[in-house]
């Protein structure tokens, strides 16, 4: 193994210790507020994604195929939110989630580790979780509006619409048949 010169060692040390200070025209308070709100949303999105996939993997019953496909589609939609959310946090100068533990500390969507959940109970639980996520998205939107972060607000508006659609589909899919 080749020996590094002192200048190379210094260069590597400098690169390793450089702070993640993305330049932004937003104030430090705006960066803190927006990052905090969006990280909370991101934690909930990851929690809801995993719960949706859990229910997708453990679905059973006479409507298996329809529910299985619905939850797969919804899981994909949730997962698609994660990277744009995290990158938006970095674009405004913040730091984003770093671990499962970090997600657990911030999430408000509760986990479900039950061995068996009835299919209609799965749909009802996910419906309520999506309603909660829509409320958290609106709270984050209030923060981004307050700081005139138009780009984050725009993303949140689309995700509110997608979340309301998931809530609607879960509601309609979970309706009990009337005899």
C-alpha atoms as a PDB file:
ATOM      1  CA  UNK A   1       0.000   0.000   0.000  1.00  0.00           C
ATOM      2  CA  UNK A   2       1.370   3.392  -1.016  1.00  0.00           C
ATOM      3  CA  UNK A   3       2.141   5.904   1.684  1.00  0.00           C
ATOM      4  CA  UNK A   4       0.201   9.182   1.557  1.00  0.00           C
ATOM      5  CA  UNK A   5       2.061  12.469   1.591  1.00  0.00           C
ATOM      6  CA  UNK A   6       1.265  14.975   4.329  1.00  0.00           C
ATOM      7  CA  UNK A   7      -0.521  17.230   1.820  1.00  0.00           C
ATOM      8  CA  UNK A   8      -2.764  14.320   0.680  1.00  0.00           C
ATOM      9  CA  UNK A   9      -3.558  13.445   4.322  1.00  0.00           C
ATOM     10  CA  UNK A  10      -4.467  17.069   4.970  1.00  0.00           C
ATOM     11  CA  UNK A  11      -6.656  17.193   1.846  1.00  0.00           C
ATOM     12  CA  UNK A  12      -8.510  14.019   2.877  1.00  0.00           C
ATOM     13  CA  UNK A  13      -8.984  15.306   6.429  1.00  0.00           C
ATOM     14  CA  UNK A  14     -10.363  18.602   5.079  1.00  0.00           C
ATOM     15  CA  UNK A  15     -12.822  16.806   2.800  1.00  0.00           C
ATOM     16  CA  UNK A  16     -13.999  14.546   5.630  1.00  0.00           C
ATOM     17  CA  UNK A  17     -14.591  17.402   8.051  1.00  0.00           C
ATOM     18  CA  UNK A  18     -16.287  19.800   5.637  1.00  0.00           C
ATOM     19  CA  UNK A  19     -19.738  20.730   6.995  1.00  0.00           C
ATOM     20  CA  UNK A  20     -22.922  20.062   5.040  1.00  0.00           C
ATOM     21  CA  UNK A  21     -23.788  23.706   4.614  1.00  0.00           C
ATOM     22  CA  UNK A  22     -25.821  23.945   1.424  1.00  0.00           C
ATOM     23  CA  UNK A  23     -26.092  27.616   0.423  1.00  0.00           C
ATOM     24  CA  UNK A  24     -29.612  29.045   0.558  1.00  0.00           C
ATOM     25  CA  UNK A  25     -31.248  32.453   0.566  1.00  0.00           C
ATOM     26  CA  UNK A  26     -33.490  31.224   3.381  1.00  0.00           C
ATOM     27  CA  UNK A  27     -32.716  32.393   6.908  1.00  0.00           C
ATOM     28  CA  UNK A  28     -31.221  30.003   9.458  1.00  0.00           C
ATOM     29  CA  UNK A  29     -34.588  29.959  11.253  1.00  0.00           C
ATOM     30  CA  UNK A  30     -36.379  29.099   8.012  1.00  0.00           C
ATOM     31  CA  UNK A  31     -33.933  26.270   7.332  1.00  0.00           C
ATOM     32  CA  UNK A  32     -34.430  24.906  10.846  1.00  0.00           C
ATOM     33  CA  UNK A  33     -38.227  25.210  10.729  1.00  0.00           C
ATOM     34  CA  UNK A  34     -38.618  23.767   7.234  1.00  0.00           C
ATOM     35  CA  UNK A  35     -36.139  20.947   7.826  1.00  0.00           C
ATOM     36  CA  UNK A  36     -37.889  20.021  11.059  1.00  0.00           C
ATOM     37  CA  UNK A  37     -41.323  19.957   9.446  1.00  0.00           C
ATOM     38  CA  UNK A  38     -40.168  18.017   6.388  1.00  0.00           C
ATOM     39  CA  UNK A  39     -38.141  15.510   8.427  1.00  0.00           C
ATOM     40  CA  UNK A  40     -41.261  14.788  10.484  1.00  0.00           C
ATOM     41  CA  UNK A  41     -43.195  14.186   7.281  1.00  0.00           C
ATOM     42  CA  UNK A  42     -40.386  12.015   5.922  1.00  0.00           C
ATOM     43  CA  UNK A  43     -40.379   9.887   9.087  1.00  0.00           C
ATOM     44  CA  UNK A  44     -44.137   9.380   8.774  1.00  0.00           C
ATOM     45  CA  UNK A  45     -43.845   8.529   5.084  1.00  0.00           C
ATOM     46  CA  UNK A  46     -41.239   5.846   5.837  1.00  0.00           C
ATOM     47  CA  UNK A  47     -43.379   4.460   8.700  1.00  0.00           C
ATOM     48  CA  UNK A  48     -46.509   4.414   6.527  1.00  0.00           C
ATOM     49  CA  UNK A  49     -44.581   2.883   3.625  1.00  0.00           C
ATOM     50  CA  UNK A  50     -43.399   0.006   5.785  1.00  0.00           C
ATOM     51  CA  UNK A  51     -46.834  -0.529   7.329  1.00  0.00           C
ATOM     52  CA  UNK A  52     -48.424  -0.506   3.867  1.00  0.00           C
ATOM     53  CA  UNK A  53     -45.904  -3.090   2.643  1.00  0.00           C
ATOM     54  CA  UNK A  54     -46.423  -5.155   5.823  1.00  0.00           C
ATOM     55  CA  UNK A  55     -50.153  -5.296   5.140  1.00  0.00           C
ATOM     56  CA  UNK A  56     -49.505  -5.932   1.439  1.00  0.00           C
ATOM     57  CA  UNK A  57     -47.288  -8.927   2.316  1.00  0.00           C
ATOM     58  CA  UNK A  58     -49.746 -10.295   4.886  1.00  0.00           C
ATOM     59  CA  UNK A  59     -53.014  -9.729   3.036  1.00  0.00           C
ATOM     60  CA  UNK A  60     -55.448 -12.657   2.879  1.00  0.00           C
ATOM     61  CA  UNK A  61     -59.077 -13.397   2.156  1.00  0.00           C
ATOM     62  CA  UNK A  62     -61.535 -13.319  -0.730  1.00  0.00           C
ATOM     63  CA  UNK A  63     -60.428  -9.866  -1.951  1.00  0.00           C
ATOM     64  CA  UNK A  64     -56.738 -10.742  -1.707  1.00  0.00           C
ATOM     65  CA  UNK A  65     -55.769  -9.818  -5.252  1.00  0.00           C
ATOM     66  CA  UNK A  66     -57.505  -6.430  -5.311  1.00  0.00           C
ATOM     67  CA  UNK A  67     -56.252  -5.394  -1.854  1.00  0.00           C
ATOM     68  CA  UNK A  68     -52.762  -6.793  -2.493  1.00  0.00           C
ATOM     69  CA  UNK A  69     -52.439  -4.766  -5.707  1.00  0.00           C
ATOM     70  CA  UNK A  70     -53.937  -1.634  -4.111  1.00  0.00           C
ATOM     71  CA  UNK A  71     -51.436  -1.714  -1.260  1.00  0.00           C
ATOM     72  CA  UNK A  72     -48.553  -2.426  -3.612  1.00  0.00           C
ATOM     73  CA  UNK A  73     -49.486   0.640  -5.672  1.00  0.00           C
ATOM     74  CA  UNK A  74     -49.857   2.768  -2.550  1.00  0.00           C
ATOM     75  CA  UNK A  75     -46.535   1.540  -1.171  1.00  0.00           C
ATOM     76  CA  UNK A  76     -44.808   2.506  -4.423  1.00  0.00           C
ATOM     77  CA  UNK A  77     -46.386   5.955  -4.248  1.00  0.00           C
ATOM     78  CA  UNK A  78     -45.195   6.471  -0.661  1.00  0.00           C
ATOM     79  CA  UNK A  79     -41.693   5.271  -1.429  1.00  0.00           C
ATOM     80  CA  UNK A  80     -41.539   7.663  -4.393  1.00  0.00           C
ATOM     81  CA  UNK A  81     -42.003  10.561  -1.949  1.00  0.00           C
ATOM     82  CA  UNK A  82     -38.943   9.743   0.161  1.00  0.00           C
ATOM     83  CA  UNK A  83     -36.079  10.856  -2.070  1.00  0.00           C
ATOM     84  CA  UNK A  84     -37.646  14.165  -3.190  1.00  0.00           C
ATOM     85  CA  UNK A  85     -38.485  14.940   0.462  1.00  0.00           C
ATOM     86  CA  UNK A  86     -34.977  14.198   1.709  1.00  0.00           C
ATOM     87  CA  UNK A  87     -33.384  16.084  -1.181  1.00  0.00           C
ATOM     88  CA  UNK A  88     -35.647  19.081  -0.566  1.00  0.00           C
ATOM     89  CA  UNK A  89     -34.459  19.184   3.053  1.00  0.00           C
ATOM     90  CA  UNK A  90     -30.848  19.224   1.823  1.00  0.00           C
ATOM     91  CA  UNK A  91     -31.619  21.891  -0.815  1.00  0.00           C
ATOM     92  CA  UNK A  92     -32.864  24.317   1.840  1.00  0.00           C
ATOM     93  CA  UNK A  93     -29.686  23.748   3.864  1.00  0.00           C
ATOM     94  CA  UNK A  94     -30.911  21.206   6.388  1.00  0.00           C
ATOM     95  CA  UNK A  95     -29.843  17.731   7.374  1.00  0.00           C
ATOM     96  CA  UNK A  96     -32.188  14.834   6.907  1.00  0.00           C
ATOM     97  CA  UNK A  97     -32.898  11.476   8.517  1.00  0.00           C
ATOM     98  CA  UNK A  98     -29.917   9.241   9.103  1.00  0.00           C
ATOM     99  CA  UNK A  99     -31.273   5.962  10.458  1.00  0.00           C
ATOM    100  CA  UNK A 100     -34.226   3.775  11.398  1.00  0.00           C
ATOM    101  CA  UNK A 101     -33.771   5.029  14.969  1.00  0.00           C
ATOM    102  CA  UNK A 102     -34.058   8.618  13.759  1.00  0.00           C
ATOM    103  CA  UNK A 103     -37.280   7.720  11.956  1.00  0.00           C
ATOM    104  CA  UNK A 104     -38.620   6.048  15.112  1.00  0.00           C
ATOM    105  CA  UNK A 105     -37.937   9.187  17.167  1.00  0.00           C
ATOM    106  CA  UNK A 106     -39.848  11.435  14.751  1.00  0.00           C
ATOM    107  CA  UNK A 107     -42.678   9.272  13.400  1.00  0.00           C
ATOM    108  CA  UNK A 108     -46.259   9.823  14.503  1.00  0.00           C
ATOM    109  CA  UNK A 109     -47.635   6.934  12.439  1.00  0.00           C
ATOM    110  CA  UNK A 110     -47.723   3.951  14.788  1.00  0.00           C
ATOM    111  CA  UNK A 111     -46.317   0.574  13.812  1.00  0.00           C
ATOM    112  CA  UNK A 112     -48.443  -2.567  13.666  1.00  0.00           C
ATOM    113  CA  UNK A 113     -46.524  -5.719  14.561  1.00  0.00           C
ATOM    114  CA  UNK A 114     -49.584  -7.947  15.035  1.00  0.00           C
ATOM    115  CA  UNK A 115     -49.269 -11.516  13.769  1.00  0.00           C
ATOM    116  CA  UNK A 116     -52.630 -11.272  12.005  1.00  0.00           C
ATOM    117  CA  UNK A 117     -54.832  -8.339  11.043  1.00  0.00           C
ATOM    118  CA  UNK A 118     -58.185  -8.737   9.315  1.00  0.00           C
ATOM    119  CA  UNK A 119     -58.100  -7.303   5.773  1.00  0.00           C
ATOM    120  CA  UNK A 120     -60.790  -4.682   6.424  1.00  0.00           C
ATOM    121  CA  UNK A 121     -58.980  -3.654   9.612  1.00  0.00           C
ATOM    122  CA  UNK A 122     -55.801  -3.207   7.568  1.00  0.00           C
ATOM    123  CA  UNK A 123     -57.603  -0.916   5.145  1.00  0.00           C
ATOM    124  CA  UNK A 124     -59.223   1.063   7.972  1.00  0.00           C
ATOM    125  CA  UNK A 125     -55.907   1.508   9.791  1.00  0.00           C
ATOM    126  CA  UNK A 126     -54.133   2.645   6.637  1.00  0.00           C
ATOM    127  CA  UNK A 127     -57.026   5.005   5.849  1.00  0.00           C
ATOM    128  CA  UNK A 128     -56.643   6.682   9.250  1.00  0.00           C
ATOM    129  CA  UNK A 129     -52.853   6.802   8.897  1.00  0.00           C
ATOM    130  CA  UNK A 130     -53.169   8.480   5.500  1.00  0.00           C
ATOM    131  CA  UNK A 131     -55.592  11.012   7.010  1.00  0.00           C
ATOM    132  CA  UNK A 132     -52.991  11.730   9.698  1.00  0.00           C
ATOM    133  CA  UNK A 133     -50.289  12.075   7.062  1.00  0.00           C
ATOM    134  CA  UNK A 134     -52.449  14.558   5.128  1.00  0.00           C
ATOM    135  CA  UNK A 135     -52.780  16.643   8.304  1.00  0.00           C
ATOM    136  CA  UNK A 136     -49.008  16.571   8.854  1.00  0.00           C
ATOM    137  CA  UNK A 137     -48.430  17.553   5.225  1.00  0.00           C
ATOM    138  CA  UNK A 138     -50.752  20.539   5.743  1.00  0.00           C
ATOM    139  CA  UNK A 139     -48.852  21.510   8.915  1.00  0.00           C
ATOM    140  CA  UNK A 140     -45.587  21.383   6.969  1.00  0.00           C
ATOM    141  CA  UNK A 141     -47.210  23.441   4.199  1.00  0.00           C
ATOM    142  CA  UNK A 142     -48.045  26.141   6.749  1.00  0.00           C
ATOM    143  CA  UNK A 143     -44.357  26.261   7.720  1.00  0.00           C
ATOM    144  CA  UNK A 144     -43.127  26.427   4.123  1.00  0.00           C
ATOM    145  CA  UNK A 145     -45.693  29.113   3.301  1.00  0.00           C
ATOM    146  CA  UNK A 146     -44.627  31.154   6.326  1.00  0.00           C
ATOM    147  CA  UNK A 147     -41.041  31.177   5.036  1.00  0.00           C
ATOM    148  CA  UNK A 148     -42.035  31.666   1.368  1.00  0.00           C
ATOM    149  CA  UNK A 149     -40.487  28.336   0.351  1.00  0.00           C
ATOM    150  CA  UNK A 150     -42.556  27.984  -2.797  1.00  0.00           C
ATOM    151  CA  UNK A 151     -40.778  24.865  -4.089  1.00  0.00           C
ATOM    152  CA  UNK A 152     -41.431  22.884  -0.893  1.00  0.00           C
ATOM    153  CA  UNK A 153     -45.027  24.139  -0.770  1.00  0.00           C
ATOM    154  CA  UNK A 154     -45.583  22.979  -4.336  1.00  0.00           C
ATOM    155  CA  UNK A 155     -44.301  19.477  -3.592  1.00  0.00           C
ATOM    156  CA  UNK A 156     -46.437  19.294  -0.449  1.00  0.00           C
ATOM    157  CA  UNK A 157     -49.554  20.311  -2.387  1.00  0.00           C
ATOM    158  CA  UNK A 158     -49.116  17.397  -4.785  1.00  0.00           C
ATOM    159  CA  UNK A 159     -48.473  14.967  -1.933  1.00  0.00           C
ATOM    160  CA  UNK A 160     -51.562  16.177  -0.078  1.00  0.00           C
ATOM    161  CA  UNK A 161     -53.606  15.367  -3.183  1.00  0.00           C
ATOM    162  CA  UNK A 162     -51.993  11.910  -3.516  1.00  0.00           C
ATOM    163  CA  UNK A 163     -52.556  11.217   0.185  1.00  0.00           C
ATOM    164  CA  UNK A 164     -56.211  12.228  -0.048  1.00  0.00           C
ATOM    165  CA  UNK A 165     -56.565   9.877  -3.027  1.00  0.00           C
ATOM    166  CA  UNK A 166     -55.066   6.993  -1.046  1.00  0.00           C
ATOM    167  CA  UNK A 167     -57.456   7.784   1.829  1.00  0.00           C
ATOM    168  CA  UNK A 168     -60.420   7.799  -0.554  1.00  0.00           C
ATOM    169  CA  UNK A 169     -59.443   4.491  -2.189  1.00  0.00           C
ATOM    170  CA  UNK A 170     -58.925   2.846   1.199  1.00  0.00           C
ATOM    171  CA  UNK A 171     -62.299   4.140   2.381  1.00  0.00           C
ATOM    172  CA  UNK A 172     -64.148   2.882  -0.698  1.00  0.00           C
ATOM    173  CA  UNK A 173     -62.298  -0.444  -0.743  1.00  0.00           C
ATOM    174  CA  UNK A 174     -63.038  -1.006   2.930  1.00  0.00           C
ATOM    175  CA  UNK A 175     -66.762  -0.404   2.772  1.00  0.00           C
ATOM    176  CA  UNK A 176     -68.801  -3.333   3.967  1.00  0.00           C
ATOM    177  CA  UNK A 177     -71.269  -4.806   1.518  1.00  0.00           C
ATOM    178  CA  UNK A 178     -74.901  -4.073   2.314  1.00  0.00           C
ATOM    179  CA  UNK A 179     -77.222  -7.058   1.997  1.00  0.00           C
END
